[in-house]
Amino acid sequence: MIITHDTRCALDAVVDLLNTAPEGEGPGAPDSLTDLAALEDFVQRNAVSGVGALGAGDLASVRSVRARFARVFAAADDRTAAEQLNSLVASAGTTPQLTDHDGYDWHVHYFAPGASVADHLAADGGMALAFLVVAGERERLRHCEAPDCRHAFVDLSRNRSRRYCDSRTCGNRLHVAAYRARRREAAG
């Protein structure tokens, strides 16, 4: 599956946005998108272009888009995911435009010029997720299998075998725990 740079960036932003939700970090984890400073940090971290001054309305709108992305990840089937994505992308007033900026070659932005940060995320992120549905790859939208982590991620591994949001943290932690359990069982 070929994923262009801008599609990958949009998918990464969707995953990062989802992981700001309380359920993104496990039971009882706090919401990390609670104020404008957190939203500004998210925008900077994901290099969301063309975003002007942010306000309280932007925070509420982005949190609403986050909930809609969560429904796409949780969709029971492709049809449900497609309905969710069609609604999301349409609500963003999608306006595809070819652009080359900030040192990147030609690519497509799906948000209208001057769009709010929420519409920007909904349009670009929604289209990136739609590409996965069209390619028959919706099963790549996953949540970490570590018992104490529910981070979202997009499995872009060749054989679709990724199980953890981060193999260095969640994966290693579970492998070490399993190793120690085997050692205790063998010793006892």
N, C-alpha and C. Protein backbone atom coordinates (compact mmCIF):
# COMPACT_ATOMS: atom_id res chain seq x y z
N MET A 1 0.84 -1.17 0.00
CA MET A 1 0.00 0.00 0.00
C MET A 1 0.89 1.24 0.00
N ILE A 2 0.70 2.11 -0.94
CA ILE A 2 1.50 3.33 -1.04
C ILE A 2 0.75 4.47 -0.35
N ILE A 3 1.43 5.12 0.58
CA ILE A 3 0.84 6.24 1.29
C ILE A 3 1.73 7.44 1.07
N THR A 4 1.16 8.50 0.54
CA THR A 4 1.94 9.71 0.27
C THR A 4 2.28 10.42 1.58
N HIS A 5 3.25 11.32 1.48
CA HIS A 5 3.70 12.07 2.66
C HIS A 5 2.55 12.81 3.34
N ASP A 6 1.74 13.52 2.57
CA ASP A 6 0.68 14.31 3.18
C ASP A 6 -0.41 13.42 3.79
N THR A 7 -0.66 12.26 3.18
CA THR A 7 -1.63 11.33 3.76
C THR A 7 -1.08 10.77 5.06
N ARG A 8 0.20 10.45 5.08
CA ARG A 8 0.82 9.94 6.32
C ARG A 8 0.77 10.99 7.41
N CYS A 9 1.05 12.24 7.07
CA CYS A 9 0.97 13.31 8.08
C CYS A 9 -0.45 13.46 8.61
N ALA A 10 -1.44 13.37 7.72
CA ALA A 10 -2.84 13.47 8.16
C ALA A 10 -3.20 12.29 9.06
N LEU A 11 -2.76 11.08 8.71
CA LEU A 11 -3.03 9.91 9.56
C LEU A 11 -2.36 10.07 10.93
N ASP A 12 -1.13 10.56 10.93
CA ASP A 12 -0.42 10.79 12.19
C ASP A 12 -1.15 11.81 13.06
N ALA A 13 -1.69 12.85 12.44
CA ALA A 13 -2.43 13.87 13.19
C ALA A 13 -3.72 13.28 13.76
N VAL A 14 -4.41 12.44 12.99
CA VAL A 14 -5.62 11.79 13.48
C VAL A 14 -5.29 10.94 14.70
N VAL A 15 -4.25 10.14 14.60
CA VAL A 15 -3.85 9.26 15.72
C VAL A 15 -3.45 10.10 16.93
N ASP A 16 -2.67 11.14 16.72
CA ASP A 16 -2.27 12.00 17.83
C ASP A 16 -3.50 12.64 18.48
N LEU A 17 -4.44 13.10 17.66
CA LEU A 17 -5.66 13.69 18.20
C LEU A 17 -6.46 12.67 19.01
N LEU A 18 -6.62 11.48 18.47
CA LEU A 18 -7.35 10.43 19.20
C LEU A 18 -6.68 10.13 20.53
N ASN A 19 -5.37 10.15 20.55
CA ASN A 19 -4.64 9.79 21.77
C ASN A 19 -4.60 10.91 22.80
N THR A 20 -5.23 12.04 22.50
CA THR A 20 -5.40 13.08 23.52
C THR A 20 -6.65 12.82 24.35
N ALA A 21 -7.50 11.91 23.91
CA ALA A 21 -8.74 11.60 24.62
C ALA A 21 -8.46 10.78 25.87
N PRO A 22 -9.32 10.88 26.87
CA PRO A 22 -9.10 10.11 28.10
C PRO A 22 -8.92 8.62 27.86
N GLU A 23 -9.72 8.03 26.99
CA GLU A 23 -9.61 6.59 26.74
C GLU A 23 -8.37 6.25 25.91
N GLY A 24 -7.69 7.26 25.38
CA GLY A 24 -6.51 7.02 24.57
C GLY A 24 -5.32 6.49 25.37
N GLU A 25 -5.29 6.73 26.67
CA GLU A 25 -4.14 6.33 27.47
C GLU A 25 -4.49 5.33 28.56
N GLY A 26 -5.63 4.70 28.45
CA GLY A 26 -5.99 3.69 29.43
C GLY A 26 -7.03 4.19 30.41
N PRO A 27 -7.56 3.30 31.20
CA PRO A 27 -8.61 3.64 32.15
C PRO A 27 -8.18 4.75 33.11
N GLY A 28 -9.03 5.74 33.25
CA GLY A 28 -8.76 6.82 34.19
C GLY A 28 -7.76 7.85 33.72
N ALA A 29 -7.25 7.71 32.50
CA ALA A 29 -6.28 8.68 31.99
C ALA A 29 -6.98 10.01 31.72
N PRO A 30 -6.31 11.11 31.99
CA PRO A 30 -6.94 12.41 31.80
C PRO A 30 -6.98 12.82 30.33
N ASP A 31 -7.90 13.69 30.03
CA ASP A 31 -7.97 14.31 28.70
C ASP A 31 -6.80 15.27 28.60
N SER A 32 -6.01 15.17 27.55
CA SER A 32 -4.86 16.08 27.43
C SER A 32 -5.12 17.20 26.43
N LEU A 33 -6.37 17.37 26.02
CA LEU A 33 -6.74 18.47 25.13
C LEU A 33 -7.81 19.31 25.85
N THR A 34 -7.38 19.96 26.93
CA THR A 34 -8.34 20.64 27.80
C THR A 34 -8.33 22.16 27.70
N ASP A 35 -7.30 22.72 27.07
CA ASP A 35 -7.23 24.17 26.99
C ASP A 35 -6.55 24.60 25.70
N LEU A 36 -6.54 25.91 25.47
CA LEU A 36 -5.96 26.42 24.23
C LEU A 36 -4.47 26.14 24.12
N ALA A 37 -3.77 26.13 25.24
CA ALA A 37 -2.33 25.83 25.19
C ALA A 37 -2.11 24.41 24.68
N ALA A 38 -2.94 23.47 25.11
CA ALA A 38 -2.82 22.08 24.64
C ALA A 38 -3.16 21.99 23.16
N LEU A 39 -4.17 22.75 22.72
CA LEU A 39 -4.53 22.76 21.30
C LEU A 39 -3.40 23.37 20.48
N GLU A 40 -2.82 24.45 20.95
CA GLU A 40 -1.70 25.08 20.23
C GLU A 40 -0.52 24.12 20.15
N ASP A 41 -0.26 23.39 21.22
CA ASP A 41 0.82 22.39 21.22
C ASP A 41 0.53 21.30 20.19
N PHE A 42 -0.72 20.83 20.13
CA PHE A 42 -1.11 19.82 19.15
C PHE A 42 -0.89 20.35 17.73
N VAL A 43 -1.31 21.56 17.46
CA VAL A 43 -1.16 22.17 16.13
C VAL A 43 0.31 22.27 15.75
N GLN A 44 1.16 22.70 16.70
CA GLN A 44 2.60 22.80 16.45
C GLN A 44 3.22 21.43 16.22
N ARG A 45 2.89 20.48 17.09
CA ARG A 45 3.46 19.13 17.02
C ARG A 45 3.14 18.45 15.70
N ASN A 46 1.97 18.75 15.14
CA ASN A 46 1.54 18.11 13.91
C ASN A 46 1.71 19.01 12.68
N ALA A 47 2.37 20.15 12.87
CA ALA A 47 2.64 21.09 11.77
C ALA A 47 1.39 21.34 10.93
N VAL A 48 0.28 21.62 11.62
CA VAL A 48 -0.97 21.93 10.92
C VAL A 48 -0.81 23.31 10.31
N SER A 49 -0.83 23.37 8.98
CA SER A 49 -0.54 24.63 8.29
C SER A 49 -1.78 25.51 8.16
N GLY A 50 -1.53 26.79 8.01
CA GLY A 50 -2.60 27.74 7.72
C GLY A 50 -3.57 27.97 8.86
N VAL A 51 -3.13 27.78 10.08
CA VAL A 51 -4.01 27.97 11.24
C VAL A 51 -3.71 29.33 11.84
N GLY A 52 -4.73 30.15 11.96
CA GLY A 52 -4.55 31.47 12.56
C GLY A 52 -4.65 31.38 14.07
N ALA A 53 -5.11 32.47 14.66
CA ALA A 53 -5.28 32.52 16.12
C ALA A 53 -6.38 31.53 16.52
N LEU A 54 -6.12 30.81 17.59
CA LEU A 54 -7.07 29.81 18.07
C LEU A 54 -7.90 30.38 19.21
N GLY A 55 -9.16 29.94 19.29
CA GLY A 55 -10.04 30.39 20.36
C GLY A 55 -10.76 29.23 21.01
N ALA A 56 -11.58 29.53 21.99
CA ALA A 56 -12.32 28.50 22.73
C ALA A 56 -13.21 27.69 21.80
N GLY A 57 -13.77 28.33 20.79
CA GLY A 57 -14.60 27.61 19.82
C GLY A 57 -13.81 26.57 19.06
N ASP A 58 -12.56 26.89 18.76
CA ASP A 58 -11.69 25.93 18.07
C ASP A 58 -11.46 24.69 18.93
N LEU A 59 -11.24 24.90 20.21
CA LEU A 59 -11.00 23.78 21.12
C LEU A 59 -12.21 22.86 21.14
N ALA A 60 -13.40 23.41 21.28
CA ALA A 60 -14.62 22.60 21.31
C ALA A 60 -14.82 21.89 19.98
N SER A 61 -14.56 22.57 18.87
CA SER A 61 -14.74 21.96 17.55
C SER A 61 -13.75 20.83 17.30
N VAL A 62 -12.51 21.02 17.71
CA VAL A 62 -11.50 19.98 17.51
C VAL A 62 -11.84 18.77 18.38
N ARG A 63 -12.32 19.00 19.58
CA ARG A 63 -12.73 17.87 20.43
C ARG A 63 -13.91 17.12 19.81
N SER A 64 -14.79 17.83 19.14
CA SER A 64 -15.91 17.19 18.45
C SER A 64 -15.40 16.34 17.28
N VAL A 65 -14.45 16.88 16.52
CA VAL A 65 -13.85 16.12 15.42
C VAL A 65 -13.15 14.88 15.97
N ARG A 66 -12.49 15.02 17.10
CA ARG A 66 -11.82 13.88 17.74
C ARG A 66 -12.83 12.76 18.02
N ALA A 67 -13.99 13.12 18.54
CA ALA A 67 -15.02 12.11 18.84
C ALA A 67 -15.51 11.44 17.56
N ARG A 68 -15.59 12.21 16.48
CA ARG A 68 -16.02 11.63 15.20
C ARG A 68 -14.97 10.68 14.64
N PHE A 69 -13.69 11.02 14.77
CA PHE A 69 -12.62 10.11 14.36
C PHE A 69 -12.68 8.82 15.18
N ALA A 70 -12.96 8.95 16.47
CA ALA A 70 -13.06 7.77 17.34
C ALA A 70 -14.16 6.83 16.84
N ARG A 71 -15.26 7.39 16.37
CA ARG A 71 -16.35 6.55 15.83
C ARG A 71 -15.92 5.83 14.57
N VAL A 72 -15.07 6.46 13.76
CA VAL A 72 -14.57 5.78 12.56
C VAL A 72 -13.69 4.60 12.98
N PHE A 73 -12.81 4.80 13.93
CA PHE A 73 -11.94 3.71 14.41
C PHE A 73 -12.77 2.57 15.02
N ALA A 74 -13.89 2.92 15.63
CA ALA A 74 -14.72 1.91 16.31
C ALA A 74 -15.78 1.30 15.40
N ALA A 75 -15.88 1.76 14.17
CA ALA A 75 -16.92 1.27 13.26
C ALA A 75 -16.85 -0.25 13.11
N ALA A 76 -18.02 -0.86 13.10
CA ALA A 76 -18.09 -2.32 13.02
C ALA A 76 -17.77 -2.85 11.62
N ASP A 77 -17.96 -2.01 10.60
CA ASP A 77 -17.72 -2.48 9.24
C ASP A 77 -17.39 -1.29 8.34
N ASP A 78 -16.99 -1.59 7.10
CA ASP A 78 -16.60 -0.54 6.15
C ASP A 78 -17.75 0.41 5.84
N ARG A 79 -18.95 -0.10 5.71
CA ARG A 79 -20.10 0.75 5.37
C ARG A 79 -20.32 1.79 6.47
N THR A 80 -20.27 1.36 7.72
CA THR A 80 -20.45 2.29 8.83
C THR A 80 -19.32 3.32 8.85
N ALA A 81 -18.10 2.87 8.65
CA ALA A 81 -16.95 3.78 8.61
C ALA A 81 -17.12 4.78 7.46
N ALA A 82 -17.56 4.30 6.30
CA ALA A 82 -17.75 5.18 5.14
C ALA A 82 -18.82 6.23 5.43
N GLU A 83 -19.91 5.83 6.06
CA GLU A 83 -20.96 6.80 6.40
C GLU A 83 -20.43 7.86 7.35
N GLN A 84 -19.66 7.42 8.35
CA GLN A 84 -19.07 8.37 9.29
C GLN A 84 -18.12 9.33 8.57
N LEU A 85 -17.27 8.78 7.70
CA LEU A 85 -16.31 9.62 6.98
C LEU A 85 -16.99 10.57 6.00
N ASN A 86 -18.00 10.08 5.28
CA ASN A 86 -18.72 10.96 4.35
C ASN A 86 -19.32 12.15 5.08
N SER A 87 -19.92 11.90 6.23
CA SER A 87 -20.51 12.97 7.02
C SER A 87 -19.45 13.94 7.53
N LEU A 88 -18.36 13.40 8.02
CA LEU A 88 -17.27 14.22 8.56
C LEU A 88 -16.66 15.11 7.48
N VAL A 89 -16.34 14.52 6.35
CA VAL A 89 -15.69 15.28 5.27
C VAL A 89 -16.64 16.32 4.69
N ALA A 90 -17.91 15.96 4.55
CA ALA A 90 -18.90 16.92 4.03
C ALA A 90 -19.07 18.10 4.98
N SER A 91 -19.09 17.83 6.28
CA SER A 91 -19.27 18.91 7.26
C SER A 91 -18.10 19.88 7.27
N ALA A 92 -16.95 19.42 6.79
CA ALA A 92 -15.75 20.27 6.77
C ALA A 92 -15.71 21.17 5.54
N GLY A 93 -16.68 21.02 4.63
CA GLY A 93 -16.67 21.85 3.42
C GLY A 93 -15.46 21.56 2.56
N THR A 94 -15.21 20.31 2.31
CA THR A 94 -14.02 19.88 1.59
C THR A 94 -13.88 20.60 0.25
N THR A 95 -12.68 21.12 0.02
CA THR A 95 -12.36 21.84 -1.21
C THR A 95 -10.96 21.43 -1.65
N PRO A 96 -10.83 20.32 -2.40
CA PRO A 96 -9.49 19.87 -2.79
C PRO A 96 -8.73 20.93 -3.60
N GLN A 97 -7.47 21.11 -3.23
CA GLN A 97 -6.61 22.07 -3.93
C GLN A 97 -5.19 21.53 -3.98
N LEU A 98 -4.57 21.65 -5.15
CA LEU A 98 -3.15 21.32 -5.29
C LEU A 98 -2.33 22.45 -4.70
N THR A 99 -1.30 22.10 -3.97
CA THR A 99 -0.46 23.11 -3.35
C THR A 99 0.97 22.59 -3.21
N ASP A 100 1.92 23.49 -3.17
CA ASP A 100 3.30 23.15 -2.83
C ASP A 100 3.79 24.26 -1.90
N HIS A 101 4.07 23.90 -0.67
CA HIS A 101 4.46 24.90 0.32
C HIS A 101 5.46 24.29 1.29
N ASP A 102 6.14 25.16 1.99
CA ASP A 102 7.07 24.77 3.05
C ASP A 102 8.07 23.71 2.62
N GLY A 103 8.50 23.76 1.37
CA GLY A 103 9.51 22.82 0.89
C GLY A 103 8.96 21.47 0.44
N TYR A 104 7.64 21.29 0.48
CA TYR A 104 7.04 20.02 0.04
C TYR A 104 6.62 20.14 -1.41
N ASP A 105 6.77 19.07 -2.14
CA ASP A 105 6.37 19.04 -3.54
C ASP A 105 4.84 19.12 -3.62
N TRP A 106 4.31 19.04 -4.81
CA TRP A 106 2.87 19.14 -5.03
C TRP A 106 2.13 18.06 -4.25
N HIS A 107 1.07 18.49 -3.60
CA HIS A 107 0.20 17.58 -2.86
C HIS A 107 -1.19 18.21 -2.78
N VAL A 108 -2.14 17.48 -2.26
CA VAL A 108 -3.51 17.97 -2.21
C VAL A 108 -3.90 18.29 -0.77
N HIS A 109 -4.45 19.48 -0.58
CA HIS A 109 -5.11 19.85 0.67
C HIS A 109 -6.60 19.72 0.40
N TYR A 110 -7.32 19.19 1.35
CA TYR A 110 -8.75 19.00 1.18
C TYR A 110 -9.58 20.05 1.89
N PHE A 111 -8.95 20.91 2.65
CA PHE A 111 -9.68 21.95 3.38
C PHE A 111 -9.66 23.24 2.57
N ALA A 112 -10.70 24.04 2.78
CA ALA A 112 -10.81 25.32 2.09
C ALA A 112 -9.81 26.32 2.67
N PRO A 113 -9.31 27.24 1.86
CA PRO A 113 -8.43 28.28 2.40
C PRO A 113 -9.15 29.03 3.52
N GLY A 114 -8.43 29.28 4.60
CA GLY A 114 -9.02 29.98 5.73
C GLY A 114 -9.90 29.10 6.61
N ALA A 115 -9.89 27.79 6.39
CA ALA A 115 -10.71 26.88 7.19
C ALA A 115 -10.25 26.88 8.64
N SER A 116 -11.18 26.58 9.53
CA SER A 116 -10.82 26.46 10.94
C SER A 116 -9.92 25.24 11.12
N VAL A 117 -9.25 25.17 12.26
CA VAL A 117 -8.39 24.02 12.52
C VAL A 117 -9.21 22.74 12.55
N ALA A 118 -10.43 22.79 13.07
CA ALA A 118 -11.28 21.59 13.12
C ALA A 118 -11.65 21.14 11.71
N ASP A 119 -12.02 22.07 10.83
CA ASP A 119 -12.35 21.71 9.45
C ASP A 119 -11.12 21.19 8.71
N HIS A 120 -9.97 21.80 8.99
CA HIS A 120 -8.72 21.36 8.39
C HIS A 120 -8.46 19.89 8.76
N LEU A 121 -8.55 19.58 10.05
CA LEU A 121 -8.31 18.21 10.51
C LEU A 121 -9.36 17.25 9.98
N ALA A 122 -10.62 17.67 9.99
CA ALA A 122 -11.71 16.80 9.51
C ALA A 122 -11.54 16.49 8.02
N ALA A 123 -11.19 17.50 7.23
CA ALA A 123 -11.05 17.30 5.79
C ALA A 123 -9.84 16.44 5.46
N ASP A 124 -8.67 16.85 5.90
CA ASP A 124 -7.46 16.11 5.57
C ASP A 124 -7.43 14.74 6.25
N GLY A 125 -7.75 14.70 7.54
CA GLY A 125 -7.77 13.42 8.25
C GLY A 125 -8.86 12.50 7.75
N GLY A 126 -10.02 13.07 7.47
CA GLY A 126 -11.12 12.26 6.95
C GLY A 126 -10.79 11.65 5.60
N MET A 127 -10.16 12.43 4.73
CA MET A 127 -9.77 11.90 3.42
C MET A 127 -8.69 10.83 3.56
N ALA A 128 -7.73 11.04 4.45
CA ALA A 128 -6.68 10.03 4.65
C ALA A 128 -7.30 8.71 5.12
N LEU A 129 -8.25 8.79 6.05
CA LEU A 129 -8.93 7.58 6.50
C LEU A 129 -9.78 6.98 5.39
N ALA A 130 -10.38 7.83 4.57
CA ALA A 130 -11.18 7.34 3.44
C ALA A 130 -10.32 6.55 2.47
N PHE A 131 -9.09 7.00 2.25
CA PHE A 131 -8.19 6.27 1.35
C PHE A 131 -7.95 4.85 1.86
N LEU A 132 -7.86 4.69 3.18
CA LEU A 132 -7.68 3.35 3.74
C LEU A 132 -8.91 2.48 3.50
N VAL A 133 -10.09 3.05 3.65
CA VAL A 133 -11.33 2.29 3.40
C VAL A 133 -11.39 1.89 1.93
N VAL A 134 -11.11 2.82 1.04
CA VAL A 134 -11.14 2.54 -0.40
C VAL A 134 -10.16 1.43 -0.75
N ALA A 135 -9.00 1.41 -0.11
CA ALA A 135 -7.98 0.40 -0.39
C ALA A 135 -8.28 -0.94 0.28
N GLY A 136 -9.41 -1.01 1.02
CA GLY A 136 -9.74 -2.24 1.73
C GLY A 136 -8.82 -2.49 2.91
N GLU A 137 -8.31 -1.43 3.50
CA GLU A 137 -7.32 -1.53 4.57
C GLU A 137 -7.80 -0.95 5.90
N ARG A 138 -9.12 -0.88 6.12
CA ARG A 138 -9.64 -0.30 7.35
C ARG A 138 -9.17 -1.05 8.59
N GLU A 139 -8.87 -2.33 8.46
CA GLU A 139 -8.41 -3.11 9.62
C GLU A 139 -7.07 -2.61 10.14
N ARG A 140 -6.42 -1.72 9.40
CA ARG A 140 -5.16 -1.13 9.87
C ARG A 140 -5.40 -0.08 10.96
N LEU A 141 -6.65 0.34 11.15
CA LEU A 141 -6.99 1.28 12.21
C LEU A 141 -7.16 0.47 13.49
N ARG A 142 -6.26 0.65 14.43
CA ARG A 142 -6.22 -0.23 15.60
C ARG A 142 -6.03 0.54 16.89
N HIS A 143 -6.18 -0.23 17.98
CA HIS A 143 -5.86 0.26 19.32
C HIS A 143 -4.84 -0.69 19.92
N CYS A 144 -3.97 -0.15 20.72
CA CYS A 144 -2.90 -0.92 21.35
C CYS A 144 -3.50 -2.10 22.13
N GLU A 145 -2.87 -3.26 22.03
CA GLU A 145 -3.33 -4.45 22.73
C GLU A 145 -2.77 -4.57 24.14
N ALA A 146 -1.93 -3.65 24.55
CA ALA A 146 -1.44 -3.68 25.94
C ALA A 146 -2.63 -3.43 26.86
N PRO A 147 -2.74 -4.21 27.93
CA PRO A 147 -3.92 -4.11 28.79
C PRO A 147 -4.12 -2.74 29.43
N ASP A 148 -3.06 -2.00 29.66
CA ASP A 148 -3.18 -0.70 30.31
C ASP A 148 -3.03 0.47 29.33
N CYS A 149 -3.17 0.19 28.06
CA CYS A 149 -3.03 1.24 27.04
C CYS A 149 -4.09 1.05 25.97
N ARG A 150 -4.74 2.12 25.59
CA ARG A 150 -5.73 2.04 24.51
C ARG A 150 -5.39 3.04 23.42
N HIS A 151 -4.11 3.40 23.28
CA HIS A 151 -3.71 4.34 22.24
C HIS A 151 -4.14 3.82 20.87
N ALA A 152 -4.58 4.74 20.05
CA ALA A 152 -4.90 4.42 18.66
C ALA A 152 -3.61 4.44 17.85
N PHE A 153 -3.60 3.69 16.76
CA PHE A 153 -2.49 3.76 15.80
C PHE A 153 -2.97 3.21 14.47
N VAL A 154 -2.23 3.52 13.42
CA VAL A 154 -2.49 2.97 12.10
C VAL A 154 -1.35 2.00 11.81
N ASP A 155 -1.71 0.74 11.62
CA ASP A 155 -0.70 -0.30 11.37
C ASP A 155 -0.28 -0.24 9.91
N LEU A 156 0.88 0.32 9.67
CA LEU A 156 1.39 0.41 8.31
C LEU A 156 2.47 -0.63 8.04
N SER A 157 2.53 -1.65 8.90
CA SER A 157 3.50 -2.72 8.67
C SER A 157 3.10 -3.51 7.43
N ARG A 158 4.07 -4.08 6.79
CA ARG A 158 3.83 -4.81 5.54
C ARG A 158 2.81 -5.94 5.72
N ASN A 159 2.92 -6.68 6.81
CA ASN A 159 2.04 -7.84 6.99
C ASN A 159 0.90 -7.59 7.98
N ARG A 160 0.65 -6.34 8.30
CA ARG A 160 -0.46 -5.95 9.19
C ARG A 160 -0.39 -6.66 10.54
N SER A 161 0.79 -6.80 11.11
CA SER A 161 0.96 -7.58 12.33
C SER A 161 1.22 -6.75 13.58
N ARG A 162 1.23 -5.44 13.45
CA ARG A 162 1.54 -4.60 14.59
C ARG A 162 0.44 -4.71 15.65
N ARG A 163 0.83 -4.88 16.91
CA ARG A 163 -0.14 -5.07 17.99
C ARG A 163 -0.11 -3.94 19.01
N TYR A 164 0.99 -3.20 19.06
CA TYR A 164 1.16 -2.19 20.10
C TYR A 164 1.38 -0.82 19.48
N CYS A 165 0.96 0.20 20.22
CA CYS A 165 1.14 1.57 19.72
C CYS A 165 2.61 1.91 19.57
N ASP A 166 3.43 1.36 20.45
CA ASP A 166 4.87 1.62 20.40
C ASP A 166 5.59 0.37 20.89
N SER A 167 6.34 -0.25 20.02
CA SER A 167 7.01 -1.51 20.39
C SER A 167 8.06 -1.29 21.47
N ARG A 168 8.61 -0.08 21.57
CA ARG A 168 9.64 0.19 22.58
C ARG A 168 9.05 0.33 23.97
N THR A 169 7.82 0.79 24.08
CA THR A 169 7.25 0.94 25.42
C THR A 169 6.28 -0.20 25.70
N CYS A 170 5.12 -0.18 25.09
CA CYS A 170 4.11 -1.20 25.38
C CYS A 170 4.57 -2.60 25.00
N GLY A 171 5.12 -2.76 23.82
CA GLY A 171 5.57 -4.08 23.37
C GLY A 171 6.65 -4.65 24.26
N ASN A 172 7.69 -3.88 24.52
CA ASN A 172 8.79 -4.36 25.37
C ASN A 172 8.31 -4.65 26.78
N ARG A 173 7.46 -3.78 27.32
CA ARG A 173 6.95 -3.97 28.68
C ARG A 173 6.21 -5.30 28.80
N LEU A 174 5.37 -5.61 27.81
CA LEU A 174 4.61 -6.87 27.85
C LEU A 174 5.51 -8.08 27.61
N HIS A 175 6.48 -7.95 26.74
CA HIS A 175 7.41 -9.06 26.49
C HIS A 175 8.25 -9.35 27.73
N VAL A 176 8.70 -8.31 28.41
CA VAL A 176 9.47 -8.50 29.64
C VAL A 176 8.60 -9.14 30.72
N ALA A 177 7.35 -8.68 30.84
CA ALA A 177 6.44 -9.26 31.84
C ALA A 177 6.18 -10.73 31.54
N ALA A 178 5.99 -11.08 30.28
CA ALA A 178 5.76 -12.48 29.91
C ALA A 178 7.01 -13.32 30.19
N TYR A 179 8.18 -12.77 29.91
CA TYR A 179 9.43 -13.47 30.18
C TYR A 179 9.58 -13.74 31.68
N ARG A 180 9.33 -12.72 32.48
CA ARG A 180 9.45 -12.88 33.93
C ARG A 180 8.44 -13.89 34.46
N ALA A 181 7.23 -13.89 33.89
CA ALA A 181 6.22 -14.87 34.32
C ALA A 181 6.66 -16.28 33.97
N ARG A 182 7.25 -16.46 32.80
CA ARG A 182 7.75 -17.79 32.42
C ARG A 182 8.87 -18.24 33.35
N ARG A 183 9.75 -17.31 33.70
CA ARG A 183 10.87 -17.62 34.60
C ARG A 183 10.36 -18.01 35.99
N ARG A 184 9.36 -17.27 36.49
CA ARG A 184 8.78 -17.61 37.80
C ARG A 184 8.13 -18.98 37.78
N GLU A 185 7.41 -19.26 36.68
CA GLU A 185 6.74 -20.55 36.53
C GLU A 185 7.76 -21.68 36.47
N ALA A 186 8.85 -21.48 35.74
CA ALA A 186 9.88 -22.52 35.62
C ALA A 186 10.61 -22.73 36.96
N ALA A 187 10.78 -21.65 37.70
CA ALA A 187 11.49 -21.75 38.97
C ALA A 187 10.61 -22.31 40.09
N GLY A 188 9.31 -22.08 39.96
CA GLY A 188 8.43 -22.45 41.06
C GLY A 188 7.74 -23.72 40.84
